[in-house]
């Protein structure tokens, strides 16, 4: 029985690798009904090179060129999964560090049954990580893998390399609409959000032949933020940013008062600076997936800025009232007021600041939907943004 399969290759400026990748992949898939689908985010002529190679390729080769680059490499993979001609998909990088000759092993393991995902692992018996290059890159990779498995001990119990970008997946088992990829660790996104059976085959991770690595400090920060979002949901990131803002606020106050600025003015300046900084971080890491349908950036900023200032102005008098009326310590009163303020800020931003605009709610059909009650919106916000995905 011939297995139908789509090989999805996300590319970013990989022109020099295209011809060899197609030739080696076609040889590995000889005798199978297969296609190669490139999803290209390049700024060079990689897409033109793919079209040139496709003209003489021994199997169908397609290319989707994206201009928006939404979701980075992970977003490109999801776009490929949507456009694939087959439910059986193999994802691999375009830099030839993933050996195409391993494709038959992935297919054979899937044909044995008992697995919805078959991953090529650098860390299972027989695998090799020499392609990572330096000891620093190897160390970073191992630490990231250990951290990820510790965060999802149940979902990733059978995965030694959840960070690999070379894997087979049965698209029919996925809810593509539930995936929210950020950066390049798409397998982690799939395994964390979906209860799938996983098997592994060993991989010798090759050395990069052409181009440059896409890894960077920015990608690392995106990975950490996305890992926190997957494990704890938006509320955890919102809390983390709040903690960062509080530390920054104290630091600003200390510097200003040390310079002779009156503490009241130092507190006001510190508060305003951190409110602005928190908004920037929330835009980038917490509510990035909600910005498209929300109102304009200016409206979001002024709505958030106004609420945070009102909240700050009200919280201290409320704290004082608690101390005087309930006769509790000021430390406890401060802690309680901060907890209440945190939930109030999170819900306000989820329900108001980043709420879909009227245009987005109406949609292309132009039908005005019946609005939810405030209680339903609160419940949905907590469930969808704070508790998802959770671990079963």
Protein backbone atom coordinates (compact mmCIF):
# COMPACT_ATOMS: atom_id res chain seq x y z
CA UNK A 1 0.00 0.00 0.00
CA UNK A 2 1.43 3.36 -1.08
CA UNK A 3 1.62 5.96 1.66
CA UNK A 4 0.58 9.47 0.65
CA UNK A 5 2.68 12.10 2.40
CA UNK A 6 3.42 15.83 2.24
CA UNK A 7 6.88 17.00 3.29
CA UNK A 8 6.57 20.54 4.68
CA UNK A 9 9.73 22.64 4.57
CA UNK A 10 9.63 26.14 6.12
CA UNK A 11 12.39 28.30 4.62
CA UNK A 12 13.99 31.63 5.34
CA UNK A 13 16.78 32.61 2.93
CA UNK A 14 17.75 29.00 2.14
CA UNK A 15 18.26 29.42 -1.61
CA UNK A 16 21.51 27.45 -1.78
CA UNK A 17 19.98 24.40 -0.06
CA UNK A 18 16.89 23.97 -2.24
CA UNK A 19 18.21 21.83 -5.09
CA UNK A 20 20.06 19.38 -2.85
CA UNK A 21 17.16 19.14 -0.41
CA UNK A 22 14.67 18.33 -3.19
CA UNK A 23 16.99 15.77 -4.79
CA UNK A 24 17.74 13.95 -1.52
CA UNK A 25 14.11 14.06 -0.34
CA UNK A 26 12.84 12.76 -3.69
CA UNK A 27 15.32 9.90 -3.53
CA UNK A 28 14.21 9.05 0.02
CA UNK A 29 10.56 9.01 -1.09
CA UNK A 30 11.12 7.01 -4.28
CA UNK A 31 8.13 4.78 -4.92
CA UNK A 32 5.77 6.73 -2.67
CA UNK A 33 2.97 9.11 -3.61
CA UNK A 34 4.46 12.25 -2.11
CA UNK A 35 4.93 16.00 -2.53
CA UNK A 36 7.25 18.64 -1.10
CA UNK A 37 5.60 21.85 0.09
CA UNK A 38 7.87 24.80 0.84
CA UNK A 39 6.46 27.62 2.98
CA UNK A 40 8.81 30.49 2.33
CA UNK A 41 9.29 33.62 4.44
CA UNK A 42 12.50 34.63 2.69
CA UNK A 43 13.73 38.10 1.83
CA UNK A 44 15.92 36.74 -0.98
CA UNK A 45 14.98 34.77 -4.12
CA UNK A 46 14.49 31.41 -2.40
CA UNK A 47 10.94 31.14 -3.77
CA UNK A 48 12.18 31.65 -7.35
CA UNK A 49 14.82 28.97 -6.83
CA UNK A 50 12.15 26.56 -5.56
CA UNK A 51 10.06 27.18 -8.68
CA UNK A 52 13.12 26.61 -10.88
CA UNK A 53 13.96 23.32 -9.17
CA UNK A 54 10.31 22.22 -9.21
CA UNK A 55 10.22 22.29 -13.01
CA UNK A 56 12.51 19.25 -13.26
CA UNK A 57 11.87 17.58 -9.89
CA UNK A 58 10.92 13.87 -9.86
CA UNK A 59 7.96 14.56 -7.55
CA UNK A 60 5.52 17.48 -7.15
CA UNK A 61 7.09 20.53 -5.50
CA UNK A 62 5.01 23.54 -4.43
CA UNK A 63 5.87 26.82 -2.73
CA UNK A 64 3.78 29.22 -0.66
CA UNK A 65 5.49 32.56 -0.18
CA UNK A 66 4.32 34.53 2.87
CA UNK A 67 4.80 38.27 3.26
CA UNK A 68 3.40 38.58 6.79
CA UNK A 69 5.64 35.97 8.52
CA UNK A 70 2.94 35.55 11.20
CA UNK A 71 4.09 33.17 13.94
CA UNK A 72 7.61 32.84 12.52
CA UNK A 73 8.77 29.37 11.53
CA UNK A 74 6.01 27.78 13.60
CA UNK A 75 3.42 29.84 11.78
CA UNK A 76 4.89 28.72 8.47
CA UNK A 77 4.52 25.08 9.51
CA UNK A 78 0.87 25.61 10.46
CA UNK A 79 0.28 27.27 7.08
CA UNK A 80 1.86 24.23 5.46
CA UNK A 81 -0.31 21.85 7.47
CA UNK A 82 -3.39 23.70 6.28
CA UNK A 83 -2.30 23.58 2.63
CA UNK A 84 -0.90 20.02 2.54
CA UNK A 85 -2.43 17.60 0.07
CA UNK A 86 -2.18 14.75 2.59
CA UNK A 87 -3.11 14.30 6.23
CA UNK A 88 0.21 12.53 6.74
CA UNK A 89 2.79 15.33 6.99
CA UNK A 90 6.52 15.39 7.64
CA UNK A 91 8.05 18.66 8.84
CA UNK A 92 11.74 19.32 8.31
CA UNK A 93 14.04 22.34 8.18
CA UNK A 94 15.42 23.70 4.95
CA UNK A 95 19.05 23.94 6.08
CA UNK A 96 19.93 20.22 5.51
CA UNK A 97 20.75 19.68 9.18
CA UNK A 98 17.78 17.31 9.14
CA UNK A 99 18.87 14.41 6.90
CA UNK A 100 16.16 13.66 4.29
CA UNK A 101 17.38 10.05 4.26
CA UNK A 102 15.62 9.62 7.63
CA UNK A 103 12.18 10.21 6.10
CA UNK A 104 11.58 6.47 5.35
CA UNK A 105 12.32 5.61 8.98
CA UNK A 106 9.69 8.11 10.15
CA UNK A 107 7.14 6.64 7.75
CA UNK A 108 7.97 3.04 8.67
CA UNK A 109 7.60 3.75 12.39
CA UNK A 110 4.22 5.39 11.76
CA UNK A 111 3.09 2.42 9.69
CA UNK A 112 3.83 0.15 12.65
CA UNK A 113 0.96 1.89 14.48
CA UNK A 114 0.51 3.29 17.96
CA UNK A 115 1.79 6.80 17.19
CA UNK A 116 0.20 10.03 15.98
CA UNK A 117 3.59 11.79 15.97
CA UNK A 118 6.97 10.29 15.08
CA UNK A 119 9.84 12.61 16.02
CA UNK A 120 13.46 12.48 14.93
CA UNK A 121 15.37 12.77 18.20
CA UNK A 122 18.95 13.86 18.79
CA UNK A 123 18.90 12.40 22.30
CA UNK A 124 17.44 8.91 21.92
CA UNK A 125 19.80 5.96 21.56
CA UNK A 126 21.73 6.29 18.30
CA UNK A 127 21.06 10.00 17.95
CA UNK A 128 23.82 12.56 17.52
CA UNK A 129 24.08 16.28 18.30
CA UNK A 130 27.40 17.15 16.67
CA UNK A 131 25.61 19.43 14.20
CA UNK A 132 24.87 21.85 17.03
CA UNK A 133 28.51 22.90 16.79
CA UNK A 134 29.79 24.59 19.93
CA UNK A 135 29.54 23.30 23.48
CA UNK A 136 27.55 26.43 24.35
CA UNK A 137 24.85 25.63 21.78
CA UNK A 138 24.74 22.02 22.98
CA UNK A 139 24.39 23.17 26.58
CA UNK A 140 21.63 25.65 25.73
CA UNK A 141 19.79 22.94 23.78
CA UNK A 142 19.99 20.45 26.66
CA UNK A 143 18.91 22.95 29.29
CA UNK A 144 15.98 24.06 27.14
CA UNK A 145 14.96 20.43 26.63
CA UNK A 146 15.17 19.60 30.36
CA UNK A 147 13.20 22.73 31.25
CA UNK A 148 10.51 21.94 28.70
CA UNK A 149 10.11 18.35 29.84
CA UNK A 150 9.96 19.49 33.47
CA UNK A 151 7.17 21.91 32.61
CA UNK A 152 5.12 19.17 30.88
CA UNK A 153 6.06 15.94 32.67
CA UNK A 154 2.94 14.11 31.52
CA UNK A 155 2.51 15.31 27.94
CA UNK A 156 6.24 14.97 27.21
CA UNK A 157 6.91 11.80 29.22
CA UNK A 158 7.69 9.83 26.05
CA UNK A 159 9.55 12.63 24.25
CA UNK A 160 13.32 12.97 24.62
CA UNK A 161 13.56 15.85 22.12
CA UNK A 162 10.43 18.02 22.10
CA UNK A 163 12.50 20.82 20.55
CA UNK A 164 13.24 18.92 17.33
CA UNK A 165 11.98 20.43 14.10
CA UNK A 166 11.99 17.11 12.21
CA UNK A 167 8.88 15.02 12.77
CA UNK A 168 5.91 13.25 11.20
CA UNK A 169 2.39 14.13 12.31
CA UNK A 170 -1.09 12.95 11.41
CA UNK A 171 -2.90 16.20 10.59
CA UNK A 172 -6.27 14.55 11.21
CA UNK A 173 -5.37 14.34 14.91
CA UNK A 174 -4.73 18.10 15.21
CA UNK A 175 -6.97 21.06 15.87
CA UNK A 176 -5.10 23.57 13.73
CA UNK A 177 -7.27 26.41 14.95
CA UNK A 178 -6.08 25.84 18.52
CA UNK A 179 -2.40 26.21 17.66
CA UNK A 180 -0.77 29.55 18.54
CA UNK A 181 2.82 29.18 17.31
CA UNK A 182 5.46 31.72 18.27
CA UNK A 183 9.00 31.22 17.00
CA UNK A 184 10.47 27.94 15.84
CA UNK A 185 9.48 25.24 18.37
CA UNK A 186 6.32 24.04 16.65
CA UNK A 187 6.49 20.43 17.89
CA UNK A 188 6.38 21.68 21.48
CA UNK A 189 3.27 23.69 20.60
CA UNK A 190 1.61 20.62 19.07
CA UNK A 191 2.46 18.26 21.93
CA UNK A 192 1.53 20.74 24.66
CA UNK A 193 -1.87 21.59 23.21
CA UNK A 194 -2.88 18.14 21.96
CA UNK A 195 -2.98 14.74 23.65
CA UNK A 196 -1.03 12.69 21.09
CA UNK A 197 0.81 9.39 21.09
CA UNK A 198 4.47 9.94 20.25
CA UNK A 199 7.23 7.66 19.05
CA UNK A 200 10.83 8.51 18.20
CA UNK A 201 13.60 7.47 15.85
CA UNK A 202 17.26 8.46 16.37
CA UNK A 203 18.66 11.30 14.24
CA UNK A 204 22.19 12.36 13.48
CA UNK A 205 21.85 16.13 13.46
CA UNK A 206 23.95 17.38 10.55
CA UNK A 207 26.10 20.46 10.17
CA UNK A 208 24.73 23.51 8.38
CA UNK A 209 25.88 23.57 4.76
CA UNK A 210 24.83 27.05 3.68
CA UNK A 211 23.29 30.15 5.25
CA UNK A 212 23.35 31.16 8.87
CA UNK A 213 21.62 29.95 12.01
CA UNK A 214 18.36 31.69 12.92
CA UNK A 215 18.95 31.20 16.66
CA UNK A 216 19.38 34.44 18.61
CA UNK A 217 18.79 36.01 22.00
CA UNK A 218 15.50 37.33 20.67
CA UNK A 219 14.44 33.83 19.62
CA UNK A 220 15.46 32.61 23.06
CA UNK A 221 13.31 35.24 24.78
CA UNK A 222 10.41 34.35 22.49
CA UNK A 223 10.82 30.67 23.39
CA UNK A 224 10.82 31.34 27.16
CA UNK A 225 7.75 33.55 26.86
CA UNK A 226 5.97 30.98 24.70
CA UNK A 227 6.86 28.17 27.10
CA UNK A 228 5.34 30.14 29.98
CA UNK A 229 2.25 30.86 27.88
CA UNK A 230 1.82 27.18 27.06
CA UNK A 231 2.27 26.00 30.63
CA UNK A 232 0.44 28.68 32.57
CA UNK A 233 -1.53 30.68 30.04
CA UNK A 234 -1.68 34.42 29.52
CA UNK A 235 -2.26 35.18 33.17
CA UNK A 236 1.18 33.87 34.13
CA UNK A 237 2.89 36.11 31.60
CA UNK A 238 0.79 39.03 32.78
CA UNK A 239 1.90 38.32 36.35
CA UNK A 240 5.55 37.97 35.32
CA UNK A 241 5.46 41.33 33.58
CA UNK A 242 3.84 42.81 36.67
CA UNK A 243 6.69 41.51 38.82
CA UNK A 244 9.25 42.93 36.40
CA UNK A 245 7.42 46.25 36.50
CA UNK A 246 7.37 46.28 40.30
CA UNK A 247 11.12 45.63 40.49
CA UNK A 248 11.77 48.31 37.88
CA UNK A 249 9.55 50.73 39.79
CA UNK A 250 11.55 50.21 42.97
CA UNK A 251 14.80 50.60 41.08
CA UNK A 252 13.69 53.87 39.50
CA UNK A 253 12.53 55.23 42.85
CA UNK A 254 15.83 54.30 44.48
CA UNK A 255 17.85 56.00 41.76
CA UNK A 256 15.75 59.16 41.80
CA UNK A 257 15.64 59.53 45.57
CA UNK A 258 19.39 58.91 45.72
CA UNK A 259 19.74 61.78 43.27
CA UNK A 260 17.74 64.05 45.57
CA UNK A 261 14.30 63.84 43.95
CA UNK A 262 11.44 63.98 46.52
CA UNK A 263 10.06 60.47 47.11
CA UNK A 264 6.52 61.43 46.02
CA UNK A 265 7.74 62.62 42.64
CA UNK A 266 10.04 59.62 42.41
CA UNK A 267 7.07 57.31 43.03
CA UNK A 268 4.97 59.07 40.37
CA UNK A 269 7.76 58.94 37.79
CA UNK A 270 8.51 55.30 38.60
CA UNK A 271 4.85 54.36 38.30
CA UNK A 272 4.39 56.10 34.95
CA UNK A 273 7.55 54.61 33.45
CA UNK A 274 6.63 51.09 34.52
CA UNK A 275 3.04 51.47 33.31
CA UNK A 276 4.43 52.38 29.89
CA UNK A 277 6.98 49.54 29.99
CA UNK A 278 4.36 47.01 31.09
CA UNK A 279 2.14 48.01 28.17
CA UNK A 280 4.94 47.44 25.66
CA UNK A 281 5.71 43.98 27.12
CA UNK A 282 2.02 43.04 27.25
CA UNK A 283 1.62 43.99 23.60
CA UNK A 284 4.58 41.84 22.61
CA UNK A 285 4.27 38.78 24.83
CA UNK A 286 0.81 38.50 26.41
CA UNK A 287 -1.84 39.80 24.01
CA UNK A 288 0.03 39.61 20.69
CA UNK A 289 -2.48 37.08 19.30
CA UNK A 290 -5.40 39.41 20.12
CA UNK A 291 -4.05 42.61 18.56
CA UNK A 292 -5.25 41.88 15.01
CA UNK A 293 -8.94 41.99 15.92
CA UNK A 294 -8.61 44.60 18.69
CA UNK A 295 -8.94 48.35 18.34
CA UNK A 296 -6.08 50.56 17.22
CA UNK A 297 -2.77 50.77 19.08
CA UNK A 298 -3.49 54.32 20.25
CA UNK A 299 -6.86 53.38 21.74
CA UNK A 300 -5.36 50.31 23.43
CA UNK A 301 -2.56 52.37 24.94
CA UNK A 302 -4.72 55.19 26.29
CA UNK A 303 -7.33 52.77 27.65
CA UNK A 304 -4.66 50.75 29.44
CA UNK A 305 -2.81 53.85 30.65
CA UNK A 306 -5.97 55.42 32.06
CA UNK A 307 -7.09 52.26 33.84
CA UNK A 308 -3.69 51.62 35.42
CA UNK A 309 -3.51 55.17 36.72
CA UNK A 310 -7.03 55.01 38.16
CA UNK A 311 -6.26 51.63 39.72
CA UNK A 312 -3.08 52.97 41.30
CA UNK A 313 -4.91 56.02 42.64
CA UNK A 314 -7.64 53.88 44.21
CA UNK A 315 -5.58 51.02 45.56
CA UNK A 316 -3.65 52.91 48.24
CA UNK A 317 -6.75 54.50 49.87
CA UNK A 318 -8.47 51.09 49.82
CA UNK A 319 -5.41 49.55 51.48
CA UNK A 320 -5.47 52.25 54.16
CA UNK A 321 -9.19 51.67 54.74
CA UNK A 322 -8.54 47.94 55.21
CA UNK A 323 -5.87 48.67 57.82
CA UNK A 324 -8.07 51.10 59.75
CA UNK A 325 -11.34 49.17 59.48
CA UNK A 326 -10.17 45.58 59.69
CA UNK A 327 -7.17 46.25 61.95
CA UNK A 328 -4.85 44.07 59.88
CA UNK A 329 -1.19 44.71 59.18
CA UNK A 330 -0.28 47.08 56.39
CA UNK A 331 1.82 44.35 54.76
CA UNK A 332 -1.14 41.97 54.59
CA UNK A 333 -3.42 44.75 53.38
CA UNK A 334 -0.93 45.63 50.66
CA UNK A 335 -0.68 42.00 49.57
CA UNK A 336 -4.47 41.61 49.39
CA UNK A 337 -4.88 44.84 47.46
CA UNK A 338 -2.18 43.82 44.97
CA UNK A 339 -3.85 40.42 44.38
CA UNK A 340 -7.22 42.05 43.72
CA UNK A 341 -5.57 44.68 41.52
CA UNK A 342 -3.77 41.99 39.52
CA UNK A 343 -6.98 40.15 38.65
CA UNK A 344 -8.75 43.43 37.92
CA UNK A 345 -5.97 44.53 35.55
CA UNK A 346 -5.84 41.17 33.79
CA UNK A 347 -9.59 40.96 33.26
CA UNK A 348 -9.82 44.60 32.17
CA UNK A 349 -7.12 44.11 29.56
CA UNK A 350 -8.60 40.81 28.32
CA UNK A 351 -12.18 42.08 28.20
CA UNK A 352 -11.77 45.74 27.31
CA UNK A 353 -8.33 46.78 26.07
CA UNK A 354 -7.91 43.82 23.69
CA UNK A 355 -11.58 43.06 23.08
CA UNK A 356 -12.41 42.54 19.38
CA UNK A 357 -13.47 45.72 17.64
CA UNK A 358 -17.00 46.04 16.31
CA UNK A 359 -15.67 45.47 12.80
CA UNK A 360 -14.01 42.19 13.83
CA UNK A 361 -17.10 41.02 15.71
CA UNK A 362 -19.39 41.75 12.78
CA UNK A 363 -17.23 39.82 10.34
CA UNK A 364 -17.43 39.58 6.61
CA UNK A 365 -21.09 38.59 6.59
CA UNK A 366 -22.10 41.85 8.28
CA UNK A 367 -24.42 40.19 10.79
CA UNK A 368 -24.28 41.75 14.23
CA UNK A 369 -23.84 38.92 16.79
CA UNK A 370 -25.74 38.88 20.01
CA UNK A 371 -23.36 40.18 22.71
CA UNK A 372 -22.45 38.00 25.66
CA UNK A 373 -23.35 39.06 29.16
CA UNK A 374 -20.59 40.49 31.34
CA UNK A 375 -20.58 37.33 33.48
CA UNK A 376 -20.14 35.05 30.47
CA UNK A 377 -17.33 37.22 29.13
CA UNK A 378 -15.51 37.07 32.47
CA UNK A 379 -15.86 33.29 32.63
CA UNK A 380 -14.65 32.91 29.06
CA UNK A 381 -11.69 35.22 29.65
CA UNK A 382 -10.54 33.25 32.68
CA UNK A 383 -11.08 29.90 31.00
CA UNK A 384 -9.60 30.71 27.61
CA UNK A 385 -6.76 33.00 28.59
CA UNK A 386 -5.70 31.88 32.06
CA UNK A 387 -6.38 28.18 32.27
CA UNK A 388 -5.49 27.03 28.76
CA UNK A 389 -3.85 24.78 27.81
CA UNK A 390 -3.28 23.11 31.19
CA UNK A 391 -2.04 19.56 31.50
CA UNK A 392 -4.49 16.67 31.53
